[in-house]
Amino acid sequence: MIKMGLDHVSNAKDWQTKVVDSAKPVFVDFWAEWCGPCRMVGPVVEELAKDYAGKVEFVKVNVDEANELAAKYNIFSIPTLMLLNKGQVVAQQVGAASKESYKNMIERALANA
């Protein structure tokens, strides 16, 4: 079963297709299995994916599997959540935050899209 609206990206080819070339804004969760705060953020990201289905794409990037992507975007701390529009980073949040703060981040980006 595929989780609704949540893609996993682990290589540059998938990143290009699912994030950079996306017609919609893309919310990216850089995370790792061993990261406690990442596990807390996971269910929130899944809820947001349902809330914004059709408006925003959601992608999870495991930094242990995709360290070249993490390096490209200077991900030194996880979780790092960012919103990209047409391949450009338009918002970023380092560390776990509330669902409300992520919603505000998405709403601002949608308003400016």
PDB file of N, CA and C in Angstrom:
ATOM      1  N   MET A   1       0.845  -1.200   0.000  1.00  0.00           N
ATOM      2  CA  MET A   1       0.000   0.000   0.000  1.00  0.00           C
ATOM      3  C   MET A   1       0.884   1.255   0.000  1.00  0.00           C
ATOM      4  N   ILE A   2       0.555   2.195  -0.842  1.00  0.00           N
ATOM      5  CA  ILE A   2       1.316   3.446  -0.917  1.00  0.00           C
ATOM      6  C   ILE A   2       0.672   4.469   0.010  1.00  0.00           C
ATOM      7  N   LYS A   3       1.493   5.140   0.785  1.00  0.00           N
ATOM      8  CA  LYS A   3       0.966   6.199   1.640  1.00  0.00           C
ATOM      9  C   LYS A   3       0.540   7.353   0.745  1.00  0.00           C
ATOM     10  N   MET A   4      -0.648   7.853   0.992  1.00  0.00           N
ATOM     11  CA  MET A   4      -1.213   8.870   0.124  1.00  0.00           C
ATOM     12  C   MET A   4      -0.337  10.120   0.049  1.00  0.00           C
ATOM     13  N   GLY A   5       0.079  10.430  -1.177  1.00  0.00           N
ATOM     14  CA  GLY A   5       0.760  11.689  -1.399  1.00  0.00           C
ATOM     15  C   GLY A   5       2.166  11.798  -0.841  1.00  0.00           C
ATOM     16  N   LEU A   6       2.763  10.684  -0.429  1.00  0.00           N
ATOM     17  CA  LEU A   6       4.099  10.747   0.175  1.00  0.00           C
ATOM     18  C   LEU A   6       5.057   9.884  -0.632  1.00  0.00           C
ATOM     19  N   ASP A   7       6.004  10.528  -1.319  1.00  0.00           N
ATOM     20  CA  ASP A   7       7.002   9.822  -2.110  1.00  0.00           C
ATOM     21  C   ASP A   7       8.304   9.751  -1.347  1.00  0.00           C
ATOM     22  N   HIS A   8       9.076   8.704  -1.604  1.00  0.00           N
ATOM     23  CA  HIS A   8      10.418   8.601  -1.029  1.00  0.00           C
ATOM     24  C   HIS A   8      11.417   8.786  -2.163  1.00  0.00           C
ATOM     25  N   VAL A   9      12.371   9.676  -1.945  1.00  0.00           N
ATOM     26  CA  VAL A   9      13.387   9.964  -2.956  1.00  0.00           C
ATOM     27  C   VAL A   9      14.740   9.606  -2.369  1.00  0.00           C
ATOM     28  N   SER A  10      15.538   8.839  -3.132  1.00  0.00           N
ATOM     29  CA  SER A  10      16.848   8.459  -2.614  1.00  0.00           C
ATOM     30  C   SER A  10      17.975   8.676  -3.622  1.00  0.00           C
ATOM     31  N   ASN A  11      17.643   9.278  -4.781  1.00  0.00           N
ATOM     32  CA  ASN A  11      18.711   9.524  -5.752  1.00  0.00           C
ATOM     33  C   ASN A  11      18.426  10.784  -6.568  1.00  0.00           C
ATOM     34  N   ALA A  12      19.448  11.253  -7.248  1.00  0.00           N
ATOM     35  CA  ALA A  12      19.355  12.520  -7.978  1.00  0.00           C
ATOM     36  C   ALA A  12      18.332  12.460  -9.110  1.00  0.00           C
ATOM     37  N   LYS A  13      18.178  11.313  -9.746  1.00  0.00           N
ATOM     38  CA  LYS A  13      17.222  11.175 -10.850  1.00  0.00           C
ATOM     39  C   LYS A  13      15.780  11.363 -10.338  1.00  0.00           C
ATOM     40  N   ASP A  14      15.446  10.658  -9.248  1.00  0.00           N
ATOM     41  CA  ASP A  14      14.107  10.813  -8.655  1.00  0.00           C
ATOM     42  C   ASP A  14      13.894  12.244  -8.162  1.00  0.00           C
ATOM     43  N   TRP A  15      14.929  12.833  -7.566  1.00  0.00           N
ATOM     44  CA  TRP A  15      14.847  14.215  -7.077  1.00  0.00           C
ATOM     45  C   TRP A  15      14.485  15.149  -8.229  1.00  0.00           C
ATOM     46  N   GLN A  16      15.167  14.991  -9.349  1.00  0.00           N
ATOM     47  CA  GLN A  16      14.902  15.836 -10.521  1.00  0.00           C
ATOM     48  C   GLN A  16      13.447  15.693 -10.961  1.00  0.00           C
ATOM     49  N   THR A  17      12.993  14.453 -11.087  1.00  0.00           N
ATOM     50  CA  THR A  17      11.638  14.180 -11.568  1.00  0.00           C
ATOM     51  C   THR A  17      10.558  14.621 -10.583  1.00  0.00           C
ATOM     52  N   LYS A  18      10.720  14.251  -9.307  1.00  0.00           N
ATOM     53  CA  LYS A  18       9.651  14.454  -8.325  1.00  0.00           C
ATOM     54  C   LYS A  18       9.687  15.810  -7.638  1.00  0.00           C
ATOM     55  N   VAL A  19      10.849  16.467  -7.624  1.00  0.00           N
ATOM     56  CA  VAL A  19      10.962  17.732  -6.896  1.00  0.00           C
ATOM     57  C   VAL A  19      11.226  18.903  -7.842  1.00  0.00           C
ATOM     58  N   VAL A  20      12.343  18.859  -8.539  1.00  0.00           N
ATOM     59  CA  VAL A  20      12.732  19.992  -9.385  1.00  0.00           C
ATOM     60  C   VAL A  20      11.742  20.212 -10.532  1.00  0.00           C
ATOM     61  N   ASP A  21      11.310  19.131 -11.182  1.00  0.00           N
ATOM     62  CA  ASP A  21      10.417  19.253 -12.340  1.00  0.00           C
ATOM     63  C   ASP A  21       8.932  19.281 -11.980  1.00  0.00           C
ATOM     64  N   SER A  22       8.607  19.243 -10.693  1.00  0.00           N
ATOM     65  CA  SER A  22       7.201  19.212 -10.269  1.00  0.00           C
ATOM     66  C   SER A  22       6.487  20.518 -10.628  1.00  0.00           C
ATOM     67  N   ALA A  23       5.269  20.373 -11.131  1.00  0.00           N
ATOM     68  CA  ALA A  23       4.455  21.550 -11.460  1.00  0.00           C
ATOM     69  C   ALA A  23       3.907  22.208 -10.187  1.00  0.00           C
ATOM     70  N   LYS A  24       3.860  21.429  -9.094  1.00  0.00           N
ATOM     71  CA  LYS A  24       3.337  21.935  -7.816  1.00  0.00           C
ATOM     72  C   LYS A  24       4.502  22.188  -6.865  1.00  0.00           C
ATOM     73  N   PRO A  25       4.278  23.020  -5.832  1.00  0.00           N
ATOM     74  CA  PRO A  25       5.300  23.143  -4.779  1.00  0.00           C
ATOM     75  C   PRO A  25       5.521  21.769  -4.131  1.00  0.00           C
ATOM     76  N   VAL A  26       6.735  21.533  -3.650  1.00  0.00           N
ATOM     77  CA  VAL A  26       7.079  20.249  -3.044  1.00  0.00           C
ATOM     78  C   VAL A  26       7.620  20.472  -1.633  1.00  0.00           C
ATOM     79  N   PHE A  27       6.995  19.803  -0.665  1.00  0.00           N
ATOM     80  CA  PHE A  27       7.415  19.853   0.738  1.00  0.00           C
ATOM     81  C   PHE A  27       8.331  18.654   0.961  1.00  0.00           C
ATOM     82  N   VAL A  28       9.576  18.911   1.362  1.00  0.00           N
ATOM     83  CA  VAL A  28      10.571  17.849   1.505  1.00  0.00           C
ATOM     84  C   VAL A  28      10.950  17.685   2.975  1.00  0.00           C
ATOM     85  N   ASP A  29      10.920  16.436   3.430  1.00  0.00           N
ATOM     86  CA  ASP A  29      11.316  16.083   4.794  1.00  0.00           C
ATOM     87  C   ASP A  29      12.633  15.312   4.711  1.00  0.00           C
ATOM     88  N   PHE A  30      13.744  15.968   5.106  1.00  0.00           N
ATOM     89  CA  PHE A  30      15.038  15.279   5.208  1.00  0.00           C
ATOM     90  C   PHE A  30      15.086  14.651   6.598  1.00  0.00           C
ATOM     91  N   TRP A  31      15.266  13.337   6.674  1.00  0.00           N
ATOM     92  CA  TRP A  31      15.152  12.612   7.929  1.00  0.00           C
ATOM     93  C   TRP A  31      16.090  11.408   7.936  1.00  0.00           C
ATOM     94  N   ALA A  32      16.106  10.675   9.058  1.00  0.00           N
ATOM     95  CA  ALA A  32      16.827   9.401   9.169  1.00  0.00           C
ATOM     96  C   ALA A  32      16.117   8.522  10.191  1.00  0.00           C
ATOM     97  N   GLU A  33      16.259   7.208  10.019  1.00  0.00           N
ATOM     98  CA  GLU A  33      15.611   6.229  10.911  1.00  0.00           C
ATOM     99  C   GLU A  33      15.983   6.454  12.377  1.00  0.00           C
ATOM    100  N   TRP A  34      17.239   6.757  12.641  1.00  0.00           N
ATOM    101  CA  TRP A  34      17.762   6.841  14.005  1.00  0.00           C
ATOM    102  C   TRP A  34      17.438   8.161  14.695  1.00  0.00           C
ATOM    103  N   CYS A  35      16.804   9.083  14.013  1.00  0.00           N
ATOM    104  CA  CYS A  35      16.567  10.438  14.529  1.00  0.00           C
ATOM    105  C   CYS A  35      15.210  10.514  15.239  1.00  0.00           C
ATOM    106  N   GLY A  36      15.249  10.692  16.568  1.00  0.00           N
ATOM    107  CA  GLY A  36      14.013  10.771  17.366  1.00  0.00           C
ATOM    108  C   GLY A  36      13.067  11.876  16.919  1.00  0.00           C
ATOM    109  N   PRO A  37      13.549  13.122  16.804  1.00  0.00           N
ATOM    110  CA  PRO A  37      12.663  14.203  16.351  1.00  0.00           C
ATOM    111  C   PRO A  37      12.083  13.941  14.951  1.00  0.00           C
ATOM    112  N   CYS A  38      12.850  13.255  14.096  1.00  0.00           N
ATOM    113  CA  CYS A  38      12.345  12.914  12.757  1.00  0.00           C
ATOM    114  C   CYS A  38      11.139  11.994  12.855  1.00  0.00           C
ATOM    115  N   ARG A  39      11.208  11.039  13.795  1.00  0.00           N
ATOM    116  CA  ARG A  39      10.081  10.112  13.969  1.00  0.00           C
ATOM    117  C   ARG A  39       8.851  10.837  14.497  1.00  0.00           C
ATOM    118  N   MET A  40       9.060  11.913  15.274  1.00  0.00           N
ATOM    119  CA  MET A  40       7.927  12.704  15.762  1.00  0.00           C
ATOM    120  C   MET A  40       7.295  13.509  14.615  1.00  0.00           C
ATOM    121  N   VAL A  41       8.120  13.990  13.705  1.00  0.00           N
ATOM    122  CA  VAL A  41       7.646  14.825  12.596  1.00  0.00           C
ATOM    123  C   VAL A  41       6.941  13.992  11.520  1.00  0.00           C
ATOM    124  N   GLY A  42       7.355  12.731  11.368  1.00  0.00           N
ATOM    125  CA  GLY A  42       6.804  11.864  10.315  1.00  0.00           C
ATOM    126  C   GLY A  42       5.287  11.857  10.220  1.00  0.00           C
ATOM    127  N   PRO A  43       4.576  11.557  11.317  1.00  0.00           N
ATOM    128  CA  PRO A  43       3.106  11.532  11.246  1.00  0.00           C
ATOM    129  C   PRO A  43       2.502  12.904  10.897  1.00  0.00           C
ATOM    130  N   VAL A  44       3.157  13.978  11.322  1.00  0.00           N
ATOM    131  CA  VAL A  44       2.678  15.328  11.008  1.00  0.00           C
ATOM    132  C   VAL A  44       2.780  15.563   9.493  1.00  0.00           C
ATOM    133  N   VAL A  45       3.895  15.129   8.908  1.00  0.00           N
ATOM    134  CA  VAL A  45       4.078  15.280   7.465  1.00  0.00           C
ATOM    135  C   VAL A  45       3.022  14.461   6.713  1.00  0.00           C
ATOM    136  N   GLU A  46       2.704  13.271   7.216  1.00  0.00           N
ATOM    137  CA  GLU A  46       1.668  12.444   6.595  1.00  0.00           C
ATOM    138  C   GLU A  46       0.306  13.144   6.658  1.00  0.00           C
ATOM    139  N   GLU A  47      -0.006  13.768   7.790  1.00  0.00           N
ATOM    140  CA  GLU A  47      -1.267  14.524   7.920  1.00  0.00           C
ATOM    141  C   GLU A  47      -1.301  15.682   6.927  1.00  0.00           C
ATOM    142  N   LEU A  48      -0.186  16.405   6.836  1.00  0.00           N
ATOM    143  CA  LEU A  48      -0.117  17.541   5.901  1.00  0.00           C
ATOM    144  C   LEU A  48      -0.297  17.074   4.462  1.00  0.00           C
ATOM    145  N   ALA A  49       0.264  15.905   4.134  1.00  0.00           N
ATOM    146  CA  ALA A  49       0.128  15.361   2.778  1.00  0.00           C
ATOM    147  C   ALA A  49      -1.347  15.144   2.442  1.00  0.00           C
ATOM    148  N   LYS A  50      -2.115  14.695   3.440  1.00  0.00           N
ATOM    149  CA  LYS A  50      -3.557  14.511   3.224  1.00  0.00           C
ATOM    150  C   LYS A  50      -4.247  15.868   3.116  1.00  0.00           C
ATOM    151  N   ASP A  51      -3.882  16.800   4.012  1.00  0.00           N
ATOM    152  CA  ASP A  51      -4.509  18.128   4.036  1.00  0.00           C
ATOM    153  C   ASP A  51      -4.299  18.896   2.729  1.00  0.00           C
ATOM    154  N   TYR A  52      -3.125  18.720   2.121  1.00  0.00           N
ATOM    155  CA  TYR A  52      -2.768  19.499   0.929  1.00  0.00           C
ATOM    156  C   TYR A  52      -2.746  18.658  -0.338  1.00  0.00           C
ATOM    157  N   ALA A  53      -3.405  17.494  -0.312  1.00  0.00           N
ATOM    158  CA  ALA A  53      -3.455  16.625  -1.487  1.00  0.00           C
ATOM    159  C   ALA A  53      -3.969  17.421  -2.689  1.00  0.00           C
ATOM    160  N   GLY A  54      -3.248  17.320  -3.796  1.00  0.00           N
ATOM    161  CA  GLY A  54      -3.644  18.030  -5.007  1.00  0.00           C
ATOM    162  C   GLY A  54      -3.045  19.415  -5.132  1.00  0.00           C
ATOM    163  N   LYS A  55      -2.563  19.979  -4.021  1.00  0.00           N
ATOM    164  CA  LYS A  55      -1.996  21.328  -4.044  1.00  0.00           C
ATOM    165  C   LYS A  55      -0.476  21.317  -3.909  1.00  0.00           C
ATOM    166  N   VAL A  56       0.015  20.404  -3.058  1.00  0.00           N
ATOM    167  CA  VAL A  56       1.444  20.333  -2.748  1.00  0.00           C
ATOM    168  C   VAL A  56       1.857  18.859  -2.788  1.00  0.00           C
ATOM    169  N   GLU A  57       3.020  18.595  -3.364  1.00  0.00           N
ATOM    170  CA  GLU A  57       3.588  17.242  -3.338  1.00  0.00           C
ATOM    171  C   GLU A  57       4.417  17.100  -2.063  1.00  0.00           C
ATOM    172  N   PHE A  58       4.499  15.892  -1.533  1.00  0.00           N
ATOM    173  CA  PHE A  58       5.270  15.634  -0.317  1.00  0.00           C
ATOM    174  C   PHE A  58       6.284  14.536  -0.582  1.00  0.00           C
ATOM    175  N   VAL A  59       7.530  14.794  -0.175  1.00  0.00           N
ATOM    176  CA  VAL A  59       8.628  13.874  -0.431  1.00  0.00           C
ATOM    177  C   VAL A  59       9.449  13.710   0.846  1.00  0.00           C
ATOM    178  N   LYS A  60       9.843  12.470   1.126  1.00  0.00           N
ATOM    179  CA  LYS A  60      10.740  12.198   2.250  1.00  0.00           C
ATOM    180  C   LYS A  60      12.088  11.760   1.676  1.00  0.00           C
ATOM    181  N   VAL A  61      13.168  12.315   2.241  1.00  0.00           N
ATOM    182  CA  VAL A  61      14.514  11.960   1.814  1.00  0.00           C
ATOM    183  C   VAL A  61      15.285  11.448   3.030  1.00  0.00           C
ATOM    184  N   ASN A  62      15.625  10.167   3.006  1.00  0.00           N
ATOM    185  CA  ASN A  62      16.424   9.584   4.078  1.00  0.00           C
ATOM    186  C   ASN A  62      17.879   9.987   3.825  1.00  0.00           C
ATOM    187  N   VAL A  63      18.439  10.810   4.710  1.00  0.00           N
ATOM    188  CA  VAL A  63      19.790  11.346   4.492  1.00  0.00           C
ATOM    189  C   VAL A  63      20.858  10.259   4.496  1.00  0.00           C
ATOM    190  N   ASP A  64      20.588   9.116   5.113  1.00  0.00           N
ATOM    191  CA  ASP A  64      21.549   8.015   5.103  1.00  0.00           C
ATOM    192  C   ASP A  64      21.600   7.343   3.727  1.00  0.00           C
ATOM    193  N   GLU A  65      20.472   7.345   3.012  1.00  0.00           N
ATOM    194  CA  GLU A  65      20.412   6.737   1.682  1.00  0.00           C
ATOM    195  C   GLU A  65      20.760   7.740   0.583  1.00  0.00           C
ATOM    196  N   ALA A  66      20.538   9.013   0.853  1.00  0.00           N
ATOM    197  CA  ALA A  66      20.698  10.044  -0.184  1.00  0.00           C
ATOM    198  C   ALA A  66      21.633  11.143   0.298  1.00  0.00           C
ATOM    199  N   ASN A  67      22.834  10.747   0.722  1.00  0.00           N
ATOM    200  CA  ASN A  67      23.725  11.750   1.299  1.00  0.00           C
ATOM    201  C   ASN A  67      24.187  12.797   0.289  1.00  0.00           C
ATOM    202  N   GLU A  68      24.160  12.471  -1.016  1.00  0.00           N
ATOM    203  CA  GLU A  68      24.536  13.493  -2.005  1.00  0.00           C
ATOM    204  C   GLU A  68      23.481  14.595  -2.076  1.00  0.00           C
ATOM    205  N   LEU A  69      22.217  14.248  -1.908  1.00  0.00           N
ATOM    206  CA  LEU A  69      21.157  15.271  -1.885  1.00  0.00           C
ATOM    207  C   LEU A  69      21.266  16.107  -0.618  1.00  0.00           C
ATOM    208  N   ALA A  70      21.516  15.449   0.505  1.00  0.00           N
ATOM    209  CA  ALA A  70      21.675  16.167   1.772  1.00  0.00           C
ATOM    210  C   ALA A  70      22.840  17.145   1.668  1.00  0.00           C
ATOM    211  N   ALA A  71      23.937  16.716   1.066  1.00  0.00           N
ATOM    212  CA  ALA A  71      25.104  17.591   0.920  1.00  0.00           C
ATOM    213  C   ALA A  71      24.796  18.758  -0.007  1.00  0.00           C
ATOM    214  N   LYS A  72      24.094  18.480  -1.100  1.00  0.00           N
ATOM    215  CA  LYS A  72      23.767  19.532  -2.075  1.00  0.00           C
ATOM    216  C   LYS A  72      22.961  20.663  -1.430  1.00  0.00           C
ATOM    217  N   TYR A  73      22.079  20.305  -0.497  1.00  0.00           N
ATOM    218  CA  TYR A  73      21.215  21.297   0.154  1.00  0.00           C
ATOM    219  C   TYR A  73      21.725  21.686   1.545  1.00  0.00           C
ATOM    220  N   ASN A  74      22.971  21.352   1.840  1.00  0.00           N
ATOM    221  CA  ASN A  74      23.607  21.724   3.113  1.00  0.00           C
ATOM    222  C   ASN A  74      22.790  21.299   4.335  1.00  0.00           C
ATOM    223  N   ILE A  75      22.334  20.064   4.317  1.00  0.00           N
ATOM    224  CA  ILE A  75      21.558  19.539   5.440  1.00  0.00           C
ATOM    225  C   ILE A  75      22.550  19.030   6.493  1.00  0.00           C
ATOM    226  N   PHE A  76      22.711  19.800   7.563  1.00  0.00           N
ATOM    227  CA  PHE A  76      23.627  19.423   8.640  1.00  0.00           C
ATOM    228  C   PHE A  76      22.870  18.925   9.858  1.00  0.00           C
ATOM    229  N   SER A  77      21.607  19.274   9.968  1.00  0.00           N
ATOM    230  CA  SER A  77      20.780  18.933  11.112  1.00  0.00           C
ATOM    231  C   SER A  77      19.477  18.351  10.591  1.00  0.00           C
ATOM    232  N   ILE A  78      19.001  17.290  11.233  1.00  0.00           N
ATOM    233  CA  ILE A  78      17.707  16.748  10.825  1.00  0.00           C
ATOM    234  C   ILE A  78      16.801  16.662  12.044  1.00  0.00           C
ATOM    235  N   PRO A  79      15.496  16.737  11.875  1.00  0.00           N
ATOM    236  CA  PRO A  79      14.855  16.908  10.577  1.00  0.00           C
ATOM    237  C   PRO A  79      15.051  18.326  10.019  1.00  0.00           C
ATOM    238  N   THR A  80      15.190  18.392   8.719  1.00  0.00           N
ATOM    239  CA  THR A  80      15.114  19.672   8.006  1.00  0.00           C
ATOM    240  C   THR A  80      13.971  19.529   7.031  1.00  0.00           C
ATOM    241  N   LEU A  81      13.048  20.471   7.090  1.00  0.00           N
ATOM    242  CA  LEU A  81      11.904  20.450   6.186  1.00  0.00           C
ATOM    243  C   LEU A  81      11.984  21.689   5.320  1.00  0.00           C
ATOM    244  N   MET A  82      11.820  21.491   4.020  1.00  0.00           N
ATOM    245  CA  MET A  82      11.875  22.641   3.134  1.00  0.00           C
ATOM    246  C   MET A  82      10.797  22.545   2.080  1.00  0.00           C
ATOM    247  N   LEU A  83      10.461  23.694   1.570  1.00  0.00           N
ATOM    248  CA  LEU A  83       9.464  23.786   0.519  1.00  0.00           C
ATOM    249  C   LEU A  83      10.155  24.323  -0.714  1.00  0.00           C
ATOM    250  N   LEU A  84      10.015  23.598  -1.807  1.00  0.00           N
ATOM    251  CA  LEU A  84      10.605  24.033  -3.070  1.00  0.00           C
ATOM    252  C   LEU A  84       9.504  24.317  -4.071  1.00  0.00           C
ATOM    253  N   ASN A  85       9.696  25.354  -4.842  1.00  0.00           N
ATOM    254  CA  ASN A  85       8.769  25.693  -5.910  1.00  0.00           C
ATOM    255  C   ASN A  85       9.599  25.890  -7.172  1.00  0.00           C
ATOM    256  N   LYS A  86       9.280  25.102  -8.213  1.00  0.00           N
ATOM    257  CA  LYS A  86      10.039  25.128  -9.464  1.00  0.00           C
ATOM    258  C   LYS A  86      11.533  24.904  -9.204  1.00  0.00           C
ATOM    259  N   GLY A  87      11.835  24.015  -8.257  1.00  0.00           N
ATOM    260  CA  GLY A  87      13.211  23.648  -7.967  1.00  0.00           C
ATOM    261  C   GLY A  87      13.956  24.589  -7.039  1.00  0.00           C
ATOM    262  N   GLN A  88      13.334  25.700  -6.651  1.00  0.00           N
ATOM    263  CA  GLN A  88      13.978  26.678  -5.768  1.00  0.00           C
ATOM    264  C   GLN A  88      13.456  26.534  -4.344  1.00  0.00           C
ATOM    265  N   VAL A  89      14.353  26.614  -3.361  1.00  0.00           N
ATOM    266  CA  VAL A  89      13.944  26.564  -1.960  1.00  0.00           C
ATOM    267  C   VAL A  89      13.249  27.881  -1.621  1.00  0.00           C
ATOM    268  N   VAL A  90      11.983  27.806  -1.194  1.00  0.00           N
ATOM    269  CA  VAL A  90      11.239  29.020  -0.843  1.00  0.00           C
ATOM    270  C   VAL A  90      11.004  29.142   0.662  1.00  0.00           C
ATOM    271  N   ALA A  91      11.185  28.036   1.395  1.00  0.00           N
ATOM    272  CA  ALA A  91      11.034  28.070   2.853  1.00  0.00           C
ATOM    273  C   ALA A  91      11.778  26.883   3.430  1.00  0.00           C
ATOM    274  N   GLN A  92      12.269  27.061   4.667  1.00  0.00           N
ATOM    275  CA  GLN A  92      13.018  25.984   5.315  1.00  0.00           C
ATOM    276  C   GLN A  92      12.839  26.066   6.820  1.00  0.00           C
ATOM    277  N   GLN A  93      12.729  24.893   7.440  1.00  0.00           N
ATOM    278  CA  GLN A  93      12.602  24.790   8.891  1.00  0.00           C
ATOM    279  C   GLN A  93      13.557  23.694   9.346  1.00  0.00           C
ATOM    280  N   VAL A  94      14.504  24.055  10.209  1.00  0.00           N
ATOM    281  CA  VAL A  94      15.436  23.067  10.754  1.00  0.00           C
ATOM    282  C   VAL A  94      14.963  22.696  12.150  1.00  0.00           C
ATOM    283  N   GLY A  95      14.852  21.396  12.396  1.00  0.00           N
ATOM    284  CA  GLY A  95      14.378  20.918  13.692  1.00  0.00           C
ATOM    285  C   GLY A  95      12.873  20.699  13.679  1.00  0.00           C
ATOM    286  N   ALA A  96      12.423  19.900  14.630  1.00  0.00           N
ATOM    287  CA  ALA A  96      10.996  19.593  14.722  1.00  0.00           C
ATOM    288  C   ALA A  96      10.221  20.853  15.097  1.00  0.00           C
ATOM    289  N   ALA A  97       9.051  21.003  14.506  1.00  0.00           N
ATOM    290  CA  ALA A  97       8.176  22.135  14.811  1.00  0.00           C
ATOM    291  C   ALA A  97       6.735  21.639  14.807  1.00  0.00           C
ATOM    292  N   SER A  98       5.822  22.519  15.119  1.00  0.00           N
ATOM    293  CA  SER A  98       4.409  22.130  15.195  1.00  0.00           C
ATOM    294  C   SER A  98       3.795  22.037  13.801  1.00  0.00           C
ATOM    295  N   LYS A  99       2.700  21.324  13.723  1.00  0.00           N
ATOM    296  CA  LYS A  99       1.959  21.225  12.454  1.00  0.00           C
ATOM    297  C   LYS A  99       1.577  22.625  11.983  1.00  0.00           C
ATOM    298  N   GLU A 100       1.191  23.481  12.917  1.00  0.00           N
ATOM    299  CA  GLU A 100       0.800  24.863  12.563  1.00  0.00           C
ATOM    300  C   GLU A 100       1.937  25.606  11.872  1.00  0.00           C
ATOM    301  N   SER A 101       3.155  25.462  12.374  1.00  0.00           N
ATOM    302  CA  SER A 101       4.266  26.197  11.767  1.00  0.00           C
ATOM    303  C   SER A 101       4.535  25.683  10.351  1.00  0.00           C
ATOM    304  N   TYR A 102       4.386  24.373  10.124  1.00  0.00           N
ATOM    305  CA  TYR A 102       4.551  23.829   8.771  1.00  0.00           C
ATOM    306  C   TYR A 102       3.425  24.309   7.855  1.00  0.00           C
ATOM    307  N   LYS A 103       2.200  24.355   8.411  1.00  0.00           N
ATOM    308  CA  LYS A 103       1.067  24.851   7.607  1.00  0.00           C
ATOM    309  C   LYS A 103       1.296  26.307   7.207  1.00  0.00           C
ATOM    310  N   ASN A 104       1.794  27.120   8.137  1.00  0.00           N
ATOM    311  CA  ASN A 104       2.074  28.528   7.830  1.00  0.00           C
ATOM    312  C   ASN A 104       3.121  28.633   6.728  1.00  0.00           C
ATOM    313  N   MET A 105       4.133  27.798   6.806  1.00  0.00           N
ATOM    314  CA  MET A 105       5.192  27.759   5.799  1.00  0.00           C
ATOM    315  C   MET A 105       4.596  27.426   4.417  1.00  0.00           C
ATOM    316  N   ILE A 106       3.733  26.438   4.372  1.00  0.00           N
ATOM    317  CA  ILE A 106       3.101  26.017   3.113  1.00  0.00           C
ATOM    318  C   ILE A 106       2.159  27.101   2.599  1.00  0.00           C
ATOM    319  N   GLU A 107       1.336  27.654   3.498  1.00  0.00           N
ATOM    320  CA  GLU A 107       0.374  28.685   3.080  1.00  0.00           C
ATOM    321  C   GLU A 107       1.090  29.909   2.492  1.00  0.00           C
ATOM    322  N   ARG A 108       2.170  30.338   3.131  1.00  0.00           N
ATOM    323  CA  ARG A 108       2.936  31.487   2.601  1.00  0.00           C
ATOM    324  C   ARG A 108       3.471  31.183   1.221  1.00  0.00           C
ATOM    325  N   ALA A 109       3.990  29.972   1.041  1.00  0.00           N
ATOM    326  CA  ALA A 109       4.549  29.583  -0.258  1.00  0.00           C
ATOM    327  C   ALA A 109       3.458  29.513  -1.318  1.00  0.00           C
ATOM    328  N   LEU A 110       2.295  28.972  -0.958  1.00  0.00           N
ATOM    329  CA  LEU A 110       1.191  28.881  -1.922  1.00  0.00           C
ATOM    330  C   LEU A 110       0.707  30.274  -2.310  1.00  0.00           C
ATOM    331  N   ALA A 111       0.681  31.183  -1.355  1.00  0.00           N
ATOM    332  CA  ALA A 111       0.239  32.553  -1.624  1.00  0.00           C
ATOM    333  C   ALA A 111       1.194  33.261  -2.590  1.00  0.00           C
ATOM    334  N   ASN A 112       2.476  32.884  -2.528  1.00  0.00           N
ATOM    335  CA  ASN A 112       3.487  33.526  -3.379  1.00  0.00           C
ATOM    336  C   ASN A 112       3.777  32.744  -4.651  1.00  0.00           C
ATOM    337  N   ALA A 113       3.139  31.590  -4.811  1.00  0.00           N
ATOM    338  CA  ALA A 113       3.429  30.727  -5.977  1.00  0.00           C
ATOM    339  C   ALA A 113       2.868  31.312  -7.261  1.00  0.00           C
TER     340      ALA A 113
END
